[in-house]
């Protein structure tokens, strides 16, 4: 994952390709974010366009989880739900 973020802000489409390469399954409700689950049913990526309704989530971002379902940053460091690093900025190109 960290190679996508090294010295740049990745596009949402880059994250989708990353997840598809790993065989993760995509889902999306009518107006919801793009979610990817691994073969064990763990949500690994949530790609969000951003919403002014939620403070801290206004801009496009990705939420990342490890294989245990714990929130992490792109470098594998644990983060809390309210941490700014839980909302890692991305470019929305979808």
PDB file of N, CA and C in Angstrom:
ATOM      1  N   UNK A   1       0.823  -1.193   0.000  1.00  0.00           N
ATOM      2  CA  UNK A   1       0.000   0.000   0.000  1.00  0.00           C
ATOM      3  C   UNK A   1       0.864   1.252   0.000  1.00  0.00           C
ATOM      4  N   UNK A   2       1.936   1.246   0.782  1.00  0.00           N
ATOM      5  CA  UNK A   2       2.699   2.490   0.914  1.00  0.00           C
ATOM      6  C   UNK A   2       3.292   2.961  -0.406  1.00  0.00           C
ATOM      7  N   UNK A   3       3.538   2.047  -1.363  1.00  0.00           N
ATOM      8  CA  UNK A   3       4.095   2.471  -2.654  1.00  0.00           C
ATOM      9  C   UNK A   3       3.129   3.396  -3.406  1.00  0.00           C
ATOM     10  N   UNK A   4       1.831   3.260  -3.148  1.00  0.00           N
ATOM     11  CA  UNK A   4       0.849   4.137  -3.792  1.00  0.00           C
ATOM     12  C   UNK A   4       0.934   5.572  -3.261  1.00  0.00           C
ATOM     13  N   UNK A   5       1.390   5.715  -2.034  1.00  0.00           N
ATOM     14  CA  UNK A   5       1.403   7.021  -1.373  1.00  0.00           C
ATOM     15  C   UNK A   5       2.780   7.668  -1.329  1.00  0.00           C
ATOM     16  N   UNK A   6       3.798   6.949  -1.746  1.00  0.00           N
ATOM     17  CA  UNK A   6       5.162   7.474  -1.666  1.00  0.00           C
ATOM     18  C   UNK A   6       5.327   8.679  -2.588  1.00  0.00           C
ATOM     19  N   UNK A   7       5.549   9.834  -1.999  1.00  0.00           N
ATOM     20  CA  UNK A   7       5.793  11.094  -2.716  1.00  0.00           C
ATOM     21  C   UNK A   7       4.645  11.566  -3.579  1.00  0.00           C
ATOM     22  N   UNK A   8       3.417  11.068  -3.313  1.00  0.00           N
ATOM     23  CA  UNK A   8       2.278  11.538  -4.113  1.00  0.00           C
ATOM     24  C   UNK A   8       0.964  11.214  -3.420  1.00  0.00           C
ATOM     25  N   UNK A   9      -0.081  11.798  -3.934  1.00  0.00           N
ATOM     26  CA  UNK A   9      -1.435  11.474  -3.506  1.00  0.00           C
ATOM     27  C   UNK A   9      -2.039  10.595  -4.597  1.00  0.00           C
ATOM     28  N   UNK A  10      -2.422   9.360  -4.274  1.00  0.00           N
ATOM     29  CA  UNK A  10      -2.923   8.459  -5.310  1.00  0.00           C
ATOM     30  C   UNK A  10      -4.348   8.813  -5.745  1.00  0.00           C
ATOM     31  N   UNK A  11      -4.705   8.331  -6.893  1.00  0.00           N
ATOM     32  CA  UNK A  11      -6.073   8.466  -7.393  1.00  0.00           C
ATOM     33  C   UNK A  11      -6.928   7.336  -6.841  1.00  0.00           C
ATOM     34  N   UNK A  12      -8.222   7.585  -6.771  1.00  0.00           N
ATOM     35  CA  UNK A  12      -9.164   6.535  -6.352  1.00  0.00           C
ATOM     36  C   UNK A  12      -9.037   5.318  -7.263  1.00  0.00           C
ATOM     37  N   UNK A  13      -8.835   5.541  -8.553  1.00  0.00           N
ATOM     38  CA  UNK A  13      -8.712   4.424  -9.500  1.00  0.00           C
ATOM     39  C   UNK A  13      -7.462   3.580  -9.212  1.00  0.00           C
ATOM     40  N   UNK A  14      -6.385   4.192  -8.699  1.00  0.00           N
ATOM     41  CA  UNK A  14      -5.182   3.444  -8.314  1.00  0.00           C
ATOM     42  C   UNK A  14      -5.491   2.493  -7.158  1.00  0.00           C
ATOM     43  N   UNK A  15      -6.296   2.961  -6.215  1.00  0.00           N
ATOM     44  CA  UNK A  15      -6.665   2.134  -5.070  1.00  0.00           C
ATOM     45  C   UNK A  15      -7.559   0.972  -5.493  1.00  0.00           C
ATOM     46  N   UNK A  16      -8.443   1.229  -6.441  1.00  0.00           N
ATOM     47  CA  UNK A  16      -9.298   0.159  -6.954  1.00  0.00           C
ATOM     48  C   UNK A  16      -8.450  -0.918  -7.620  1.00  0.00           C
ATOM     49  N   UNK A  17      -7.503  -0.510  -8.439  1.00  0.00           N
ATOM     50  CA  UNK A  17      -6.599  -1.482  -9.088  1.00  0.00           C
ATOM     51  C   UNK A  17      -5.817  -2.273  -8.044  1.00  0.00           C
ATOM     52  N   UNK A  18      -5.343  -1.596  -7.008  1.00  0.00           N
ATOM     53  CA  UNK A  18      -4.600  -2.244  -5.935  1.00  0.00           C
ATOM     54  C   UNK A  18      -5.458  -3.340  -5.283  1.00  0.00           C
ATOM     55  N   UNK A  19      -6.691  -2.997  -4.955  1.00  0.00           N
ATOM     56  CA  UNK A  19      -7.589  -3.952  -4.294  1.00  0.00           C
ATOM     57  C   UNK A  19      -7.950  -5.118  -5.216  1.00  0.00           C
ATOM     58  N   UNK A  20      -8.208  -4.818  -6.481  1.00  0.00           N
ATOM     59  CA  UNK A  20      -8.560  -5.874  -7.433  1.00  0.00           C
ATOM     60  C   UNK A  20      -7.397  -6.849  -7.630  1.00  0.00           C
ATOM     61  N   UNK A  21      -6.163  -6.346  -7.639  1.00  0.00           N
ATOM     62  CA  UNK A  21      -4.981  -7.213  -7.769  1.00  0.00           C
ATOM     63  C   UNK A  21      -4.901  -8.220  -6.627  1.00  0.00           C
ATOM     64  N   UNK A  22      -5.401  -7.835  -5.485  1.00  0.00           N
ATOM     65  CA  UNK A  22      -5.367  -8.702  -4.315  1.00  0.00           C
ATOM     66  C   UNK A  22      -6.586  -9.618  -4.224  1.00  0.00           C
ATOM     67  N   UNK A  23      -7.489  -9.483  -5.171  1.00  0.00           N
ATOM     68  CA  UNK A  23      -8.668 -10.341  -5.187  1.00  0.00           C
ATOM     69  C   UNK A  23      -9.750  -9.927  -4.205  1.00  0.00           C
ATOM     70  N   UNK A  24      -9.680  -8.684  -3.713  1.00  0.00           N
ATOM     71  CA  UNK A  24     -10.692  -8.206  -2.783  1.00  0.00           C
ATOM     72  C   UNK A  24     -11.977  -7.910  -3.541  1.00  0.00           C
ATOM     73  N   UNK A  25     -13.112  -8.121  -2.881  1.00  0.00           N
ATOM     74  CA  UNK A  25     -14.425  -7.940  -3.499  1.00  0.00           C
ATOM     75  C   UNK A  25     -14.963  -6.543  -3.238  1.00  0.00           C
ATOM     76  N   UNK A  26     -15.439  -5.913  -4.307  1.00  0.00           N
ATOM     77  CA  UNK A  26     -15.972  -4.561  -4.224  1.00  0.00           C
ATOM     78  C   UNK A  26     -17.471  -4.587  -3.993  1.00  0.00           C
ATOM     79  N   UNK A  27     -17.952  -3.638  -3.208  1.00  0.00           N
ATOM     80  CA  UNK A  27     -19.388  -3.422  -3.041  1.00  0.00           C
ATOM     81  C   UNK A  27     -19.621  -1.923  -2.892  1.00  0.00           C
ATOM     82  N   UNK A  28     -20.843  -1.529  -3.189  1.00  0.00           N
ATOM     83  CA  UNK A  28     -21.201  -0.126  -3.033  1.00  0.00           C
ATOM     84  C   UNK A  28     -22.714  -0.021  -2.991  1.00  0.00           C
ATOM     85  N   UNK A  29     -23.240   0.629  -1.961  1.00  0.00           N
ATOM     86  CA  UNK A  29     -24.672   0.885  -1.913  1.00  0.00           C
ATOM     87  C   UNK A  29     -24.983   2.065  -2.835  1.00  0.00           C
ATOM     88  N   UNK A  30     -26.235   2.350  -3.032  1.00  0.00           N
ATOM     89  CA  UNK A  30     -26.662   3.372  -3.995  1.00  0.00           C
ATOM     90  C   UNK A  30     -25.888   4.688  -3.870  1.00  0.00           C
ATOM     91  N   UNK A  31     -25.811   5.244  -2.694  1.00  0.00           N
ATOM     92  CA  UNK A  31     -25.113   6.523  -2.502  1.00  0.00           C
ATOM     93  C   UNK A  31     -23.918   6.398  -1.571  1.00  0.00           C
ATOM     94  N   UNK A  32     -23.473   5.180  -1.326  1.00  0.00           N
ATOM     95  CA  UNK A  32     -22.411   4.960  -0.356  1.00  0.00           C
ATOM     96  C   UNK A  32     -21.019   4.922  -0.957  1.00  0.00           C
ATOM     97  N   UNK A  33     -20.029   4.747  -0.082  1.00  0.00           N
ATOM     98  CA  UNK A  33     -18.639   4.664  -0.530  1.00  0.00           C
ATOM     99  C   UNK A  33     -18.345   3.320  -1.184  1.00  0.00           C
ATOM    100  N   UNK A  34     -17.232   3.259  -1.867  1.00  0.00           N
ATOM    101  CA  UNK A  34     -16.754   2.010  -2.466  1.00  0.00           C
ATOM    102  C   UNK A  34     -16.018   1.250  -1.376  1.00  0.00           C
ATOM    103  N   UNK A  35     -16.423  -0.003  -1.162  1.00  0.00           N
ATOM    104  CA  UNK A  35     -15.799  -0.819  -0.122  1.00  0.00           C
ATOM    105  C   UNK A  35     -15.199  -2.069  -0.739  1.00  0.00           C
ATOM    106  N   UNK A  36     -14.059  -2.461  -0.206  1.00  0.00           N
ATOM    107  CA  UNK A  36     -13.405  -3.700  -0.631  1.00  0.00           C
ATOM    108  C   UNK A  36     -13.211  -4.597   0.579  1.00  0.00           C
ATOM    109  N   UNK A  37     -13.651  -5.848   0.454  1.00  0.00           N
ATOM    110  CA  UNK A  37     -13.456  -6.853   1.497  1.00  0.00           C
ATOM    111  C   UNK A  37     -12.514  -7.927   0.981  1.00  0.00           C
ATOM    112  N   UNK A  38     -11.695  -8.450   1.908  1.00  0.00           N
ATOM    113  CA  UNK A  38     -10.791  -9.537   1.532  1.00  0.00           C
ATOM    114  C   UNK A  38     -11.537 -10.877   1.561  1.00  0.00           C
ATOM    115  N   UNK A  39     -10.832 -11.966   1.285  1.00  0.00           N
ATOM    116  CA  UNK A  39     -11.469 -13.288   1.195  1.00  0.00           C
ATOM    117  C   UNK A  39     -12.064 -13.747   2.525  1.00  0.00           C
ATOM    118  N   UNK A  40     -11.639 -13.126   3.631  1.00  0.00           N
ATOM    119  CA  UNK A  40     -12.173 -13.465   4.949  1.00  0.00           C
ATOM    120  C   UNK A  40     -13.327 -12.561   5.371  1.00  0.00           C
ATOM    121  N   UNK A  41     -13.748 -11.667   4.468  1.00  0.00           N
ATOM    122  CA  UNK A  41     -14.859 -10.772   4.760  1.00  0.00           C
ATOM    123  C   UNK A  41     -14.481  -9.531   5.544  1.00  0.00           C
ATOM    124  N   UNK A  42     -13.181  -9.273   5.691  1.00  0.00           N
ATOM    125  CA  UNK A  42     -12.710  -8.079   6.414  1.00  0.00           C
ATOM    126  C   UNK A  42     -12.687  -6.899   5.451  1.00  0.00           C
ATOM    127  N   UNK A  43     -13.341  -5.799   5.842  1.00  0.00           N
ATOM    128  CA  UNK A  43     -13.264  -4.572   5.036  1.00  0.00           C
ATOM    129  C   UNK A  43     -11.838  -4.059   5.087  1.00  0.00           C
ATOM    130  N   UNK A  44     -11.199  -3.933   3.927  1.00  0.00           N
ATOM    131  CA  UNK A  44      -9.803  -3.496   3.877  1.00  0.00           C
ATOM    132  C   UNK A  44      -9.660  -2.065   3.392  1.00  0.00           C
ATOM    133  N   UNK A  45     -10.501  -1.644   2.451  1.00  0.00           N
ATOM    134  CA  UNK A  45     -10.455  -0.273   1.927  1.00  0.00           C
ATOM    135  C   UNK A  45     -11.862   0.283   1.835  1.00  0.00           C
ATOM    136  N   UNK A  46     -12.007   1.543   2.224  1.00  0.00           N
ATOM    137  CA  UNK A  46     -13.253   2.270   1.998  1.00  0.00           C
ATOM    138  C   UNK A  46     -12.847   3.567   1.310  1.00  0.00           C
ATOM    139  N   UNK A  47     -13.269   3.702   0.066  1.00  0.00           N
ATOM    140  CA  UNK A  47     -12.903   4.855  -0.761  1.00  0.00           C
ATOM    141  C   UNK A  47     -14.083   5.820  -0.760  1.00  0.00           C
ATOM    142  N   UNK A  48     -13.841   7.023  -0.248  1.00  0.00           N
ATOM    143  CA  UNK A  48     -14.930   7.989  -0.082  1.00  0.00           C
ATOM    144  C   UNK A  48     -14.677   9.260  -0.883  1.00  0.00           C
ATOM    145  N   UNK A  49     -15.724   9.741  -1.516  1.00  0.00           N
ATOM    146  CA  UNK A  49     -15.651  10.973  -2.306  1.00  0.00           C
ATOM    147  C   UNK A  49     -15.549  12.200  -1.407  1.00  0.00           C
ATOM    148  N   UNK A  50     -16.055  12.074  -0.201  1.00  0.00           N
ATOM    149  CA  UNK A  50     -16.069  13.199   0.734  1.00  0.00           C
ATOM    150  C   UNK A  50     -17.467  13.760   0.862  1.00  0.00           C
ATOM    151  N   UNK A  51     -17.757  14.318   2.014  1.00  0.00           N
ATOM    152  CA  UNK A  51     -19.080  14.864   2.272  1.00  0.00           C
ATOM    153  C   UNK A  51     -18.985  16.015   3.255  1.00  0.00           C
ATOM    154  N   UNK A  52     -19.650  17.133   2.963  1.00  0.00           N
ATOM    155  CA  UNK A  52     -19.626  18.261   3.894  1.00  0.00           C
ATOM    156  C   UNK A  52     -20.434  17.978   5.165  1.00  0.00           C
ATOM    157  N   UNK A  53     -21.193  16.874   5.182  1.00  0.00           N
ATOM    158  CA  UNK A  53     -22.011  16.545   6.355  1.00  0.00           C
ATOM    159  C   UNK A  53     -21.163  16.124   7.551  1.00  0.00           C
ATOM    160  N   UNK A  54     -19.950  15.627   7.289  1.00  0.00           N
ATOM    161  CA  UNK A  54     -19.123  15.098   8.364  1.00  0.00           C
ATOM    162  C   UNK A  54     -17.815  15.869   8.457  1.00  0.00           C
ATOM    163  N   UNK A  55     -17.587  16.530   9.576  1.00  0.00           N
ATOM    164  CA  UNK A  55     -16.365  17.299   9.782  1.00  0.00           C
ATOM    165  C   UNK A  55     -15.162  16.353   9.738  1.00  0.00           C
ATOM    166  N   UNK A  56     -14.161  16.724   8.942  1.00  0.00           N
ATOM    167  CA  UNK A  56     -12.973  15.908   8.772  1.00  0.00           C
ATOM    168  C   UNK A  56     -13.064  14.956   7.593  1.00  0.00           C
ATOM    169  N   UNK A  57     -14.242  14.851   7.013  1.00  0.00           N
ATOM    170  CA  UNK A  57     -14.452  13.925   5.884  1.00  0.00           C
ATOM    171  C   UNK A  57     -14.927  14.645   4.626  1.00  0.00           C
ATOM    172  N   UNK A  58     -14.663  15.948   4.555  1.00  0.00           N
ATOM    173  CA  UNK A  58     -15.183  16.746   3.439  1.00  0.00           C
ATOM    174  C   UNK A  58     -14.515  16.423   2.105  1.00  0.00           C
ATOM    175  N   UNK A  59     -13.265  16.057   2.130  1.00  0.00           N
ATOM    176  CA  UNK A  59     -12.496  15.837   0.903  1.00  0.00           C
ATOM    177  C   UNK A  59     -12.395  14.339   0.590  1.00  0.00           C
ATOM    178  N   UNK A  60     -12.083  13.993  -0.670  1.00  0.00           N
ATOM    179  CA  UNK A  60     -11.902  12.576  -1.007  1.00  0.00           C
ATOM    180  C   UNK A  60     -10.802  11.947  -0.139  1.00  0.00           C
ATOM    181  N   UNK A  61     -11.090  10.740   0.351  1.00  0.00           N
ATOM    182  CA  UNK A  61     -10.127  10.063   1.214  1.00  0.00           C
ATOM    183  C   UNK A  61     -10.370   8.559   1.204  1.00  0.00           C
ATOM    184  N   UNK A  62      -9.414   7.847   1.767  1.00  0.00           N
ATOM    185  CA  UNK A  62      -9.536   6.394   1.901  1.00  0.00           C
ATOM    186  C   UNK A  62      -9.324   6.033   3.362  1.00  0.00           C
ATOM    187  N   UNK A  63     -10.100   5.056   3.803  1.00  0.00           N
ATOM    188  CA  UNK A  63      -9.904   4.475   5.127  1.00  0.00           C
ATOM    189  C   UNK A  63      -9.353   3.079   4.891  1.00  0.00           C
ATOM    190  N   UNK A  64      -8.285   2.736   5.602  1.00  0.00           N
ATOM    191  CA  UNK A  64      -7.564   1.487   5.371  1.00  0.00           C
ATOM    192  C   UNK A  64      -7.584   0.643   6.641  1.00  0.00           C
ATOM    193  N   UNK A  65      -7.760  -0.663   6.451  1.00  0.00           N
ATOM    194  CA  UNK A  65      -7.711  -1.590   7.587  1.00  0.00           C
ATOM    195  C   UNK A  65      -6.780  -2.750   7.252  1.00  0.00           C
ATOM    196  N   UNK A  66      -6.174  -3.303   8.293  1.00  0.00           N
ATOM    197  CA  UNK A  66      -5.294  -4.451   8.092  1.00  0.00           C
ATOM    198  C   UNK A  66      -6.110  -5.748   8.086  1.00  0.00           C
ATOM    199  N   UNK A  67      -5.443  -6.882   8.006  1.00  0.00           N
ATOM    200  CA  UNK A  67      -6.139  -8.165   7.901  1.00  0.00           C
ATOM    201  C   UNK A  67      -6.904  -8.541   9.172  1.00  0.00           C
ATOM    202  N   UNK A  68      -6.640  -7.839  10.268  1.00  0.00           N
ATOM    203  CA  UNK A  68      -7.402  -8.057  11.495  1.00  0.00           C
ATOM    204  C   UNK A  68      -8.568  -7.074  11.635  1.00  0.00           C
ATOM    205  N   UNK A  69      -8.731  -6.200  10.644  1.00  0.00           N
ATOM    206  CA  UNK A  69      -9.813  -5.218  10.681  1.00  0.00           C
ATOM    207  C   UNK A  69      -9.493  -3.979  11.490  1.00  0.00           C
ATOM    208  N   UNK A  70      -8.231  -3.791  11.858  1.00  0.00           N
ATOM    209  CA  UNK A  70      -7.809  -2.615  12.629  1.00  0.00           C
ATOM    210  C   UNK A  70      -7.444  -1.479  11.681  1.00  0.00           C
ATOM    211  N   UNK A  71      -7.843  -0.269  12.041  1.00  0.00           N
ATOM    212  CA  UNK A  71      -7.556   0.908  11.213  1.00  0.00           C
ATOM    213  C   UNK A  71      -6.055   1.192  11.186  1.00  0.00           C
ATOM    214  N   UNK A  72      -5.553   1.458   9.974  1.00  0.00           N
ATOM    215  CA  UNK A  72      -4.138   1.769   9.791  1.00  0.00           C
ATOM    216  C   UNK A  72      -3.980   2.908   8.791  1.00  0.00           C
ATOM    217  N   UNK A  73      -2.797   3.515   8.781  1.00  0.00           N
ATOM    218  CA  UNK A  73      -2.469   4.493   7.746  1.00  0.00           C
ATOM    219  C   UNK A  73      -1.826   3.732   6.574  1.00  0.00           C
ATOM    220  N   UNK A  74      -1.472   4.397   5.487  1.00  0.00           N
ATOM    221  CA  UNK A  74      -0.894   3.703   4.330  1.00  0.00           C
ATOM    222  C   UNK A  74       0.413   2.969   4.610  1.00  0.00           C
ATOM    223  N   UNK A  75       1.037   3.262   5.754  1.00  0.00           N
ATOM    224  CA  UNK A  75       2.315   2.658   6.091  1.00  0.00           C
ATOM    225  C   UNK A  75       2.181   1.541   7.131  1.00  0.00           C
ATOM    226  N   UNK A  76       0.935   1.191   7.466  1.00  0.00           N
ATOM    227  CA  UNK A  76       0.684   0.089   8.391  1.00  0.00           C
ATOM    228  C   UNK A  76       0.663   0.468   9.857  1.00  0.00           C
ATOM    229  N   UNK A  77       0.716   1.760  10.155  1.00  0.00           N
ATOM    230  CA  UNK A  77       0.703   2.232  11.540  1.00  0.00           C
ATOM    231  C   UNK A  77      -0.744   2.345  12.020  1.00  0.00           C
ATOM    232  N   UNK A  78      -1.034   1.807  13.204  1.00  0.00           N
ATOM    233  CA  UNK A  78      -2.388   1.874  13.765  1.00  0.00           C
ATOM    234  C   UNK A  78      -2.829   3.321  13.961  1.00  0.00           C
ATOM    235  N   UNK A  79      -4.092   3.584  13.662  1.00  0.00           N
ATOM    236  CA  UNK A  79      -4.693   4.900  13.876  1.00  0.00           C
ATOM    237  C   UNK A  79      -6.073   4.703  14.503  1.00  0.00           C
ATOM    238  N   UNK A  80      -6.561   5.727  15.151  1.00  0.00           N
ATOM    239  CA  UNK A  80      -7.893   5.654  15.746  1.00  0.00           C
ATOM    240  C   UNK A  80      -8.938   6.115  14.733  1.00  0.00           C
ATOM    241  N   UNK A  81     -10.187   5.831  15.039  1.00  0.00           N
ATOM    242  CA  UNK A  81     -11.290   6.226  14.160  1.00  0.00           C
ATOM    243  C   UNK A  81     -11.325   7.735  13.943  1.00  0.00           C
ATOM    244  N   UNK A  82     -11.002   8.500  14.953  1.00  0.00           N
ATOM    245  CA  UNK A  82     -11.071   9.968  14.860  1.00  0.00           C
ATOM    246  C   UNK A  82      -9.768  10.620  14.435  1.00  0.00           C
ATOM    247  N   UNK A  83      -8.748   9.839  14.205  1.00  0.00           N
ATOM    248  CA  UNK A  83      -7.458  10.374  13.789  1.00  0.00           C
ATOM    249  C   UNK A  83      -7.541  10.925  12.365  1.00  0.00           C
ATOM    250  N   UNK A  84      -6.882  12.066  12.099  1.00  0.00           N
ATOM    251  CA  UNK A  84      -6.837  12.575  10.725  1.00  0.00           C
ATOM    252  C   UNK A  84      -6.186  11.569   9.770  1.00  0.00           C
ATOM    253  N   UNK A  85      -5.306  10.730  10.284  1.00  0.00           N
ATOM    254  CA  UNK A  85      -4.645   9.730   9.440  1.00  0.00           C
ATOM    255  C   UNK A  85      -5.593   8.604   9.045  1.00  0.00           C
ATOM    256  N   UNK A  86      -6.752   8.524   9.698  1.00  0.00           N
ATOM    257  CA  UNK A  86      -7.770   7.552   9.299  1.00  0.00           C
ATOM    258  C   UNK A  86      -8.457   8.013   8.016  1.00  0.00           C
ATOM    259  N   UNK A  87      -8.350   9.284   7.711  1.00  0.00           N
ATOM    260  CA  UNK A  87      -8.935   9.867   6.502  1.00  0.00           C
ATOM    261  C   UNK A  87      -7.793  10.310   5.584  1.00  0.00           C
ATOM    262  N   UNK A  88      -7.133   9.342   4.964  1.00  0.00           N
ATOM    263  CA  UNK A  88      -5.972   9.612   4.123  1.00  0.00           C
ATOM    264  C   UNK A  88      -6.423  10.234   2.800  1.00  0.00           C
ATOM    265  N   UNK A  89      -5.962  11.441   2.472  1.00  0.00           N
ATOM    266  CA  UNK A  89      -6.400  12.122   1.250  1.00  0.00           C
ATOM    267  C   UNK A  89      -6.048  11.354  -0.023  1.00  0.00           C
ATOM    268  N   UNK A  90      -6.968  11.420  -0.980  1.00  0.00           N
ATOM    269  CA  UNK A  90      -6.775  10.852  -2.326  1.00  0.00           C
ATOM    270  C   UNK A  90      -7.309  11.829  -3.352  1.00  0.00           C
ATOM    271  N   UNK A  91      -6.978  11.601  -4.606  1.00  0.00           N
ATOM    272  CA  UNK A  91      -7.575  12.365  -5.709  1.00  0.00           C
ATOM    273  C   UNK A  91      -8.767  11.577  -6.228  1.00  0.00           C
ATOM    274  N   UNK A  92      -9.881  12.244  -6.383  1.00  0.00           N
ATOM    275  CA  UNK A  92     -11.100  11.601  -6.890  1.00  0.00           C
ATOM    276  C   UNK A  92     -11.091  11.686  -8.414  1.00  0.00           C
ATOM    277  N   UNK A  93     -10.916  10.550  -9.074  1.00  0.00           N
ATOM    278  CA  UNK A  93     -10.870  10.541 -10.544  1.00  0.00           C
ATOM    279  C   UNK A  93     -11.916   9.595 -11.135  1.00  0.00           C
ATOM    280  N   UNK A  94     -12.936   9.292 -10.366  1.00  0.00           N
ATOM    281  CA  UNK A  94     -13.971   8.365 -10.844  1.00  0.00           C
ATOM    282  C   UNK A  94     -15.195   9.106 -11.365  1.00  0.00           C
TER     283      UNK A  94
END
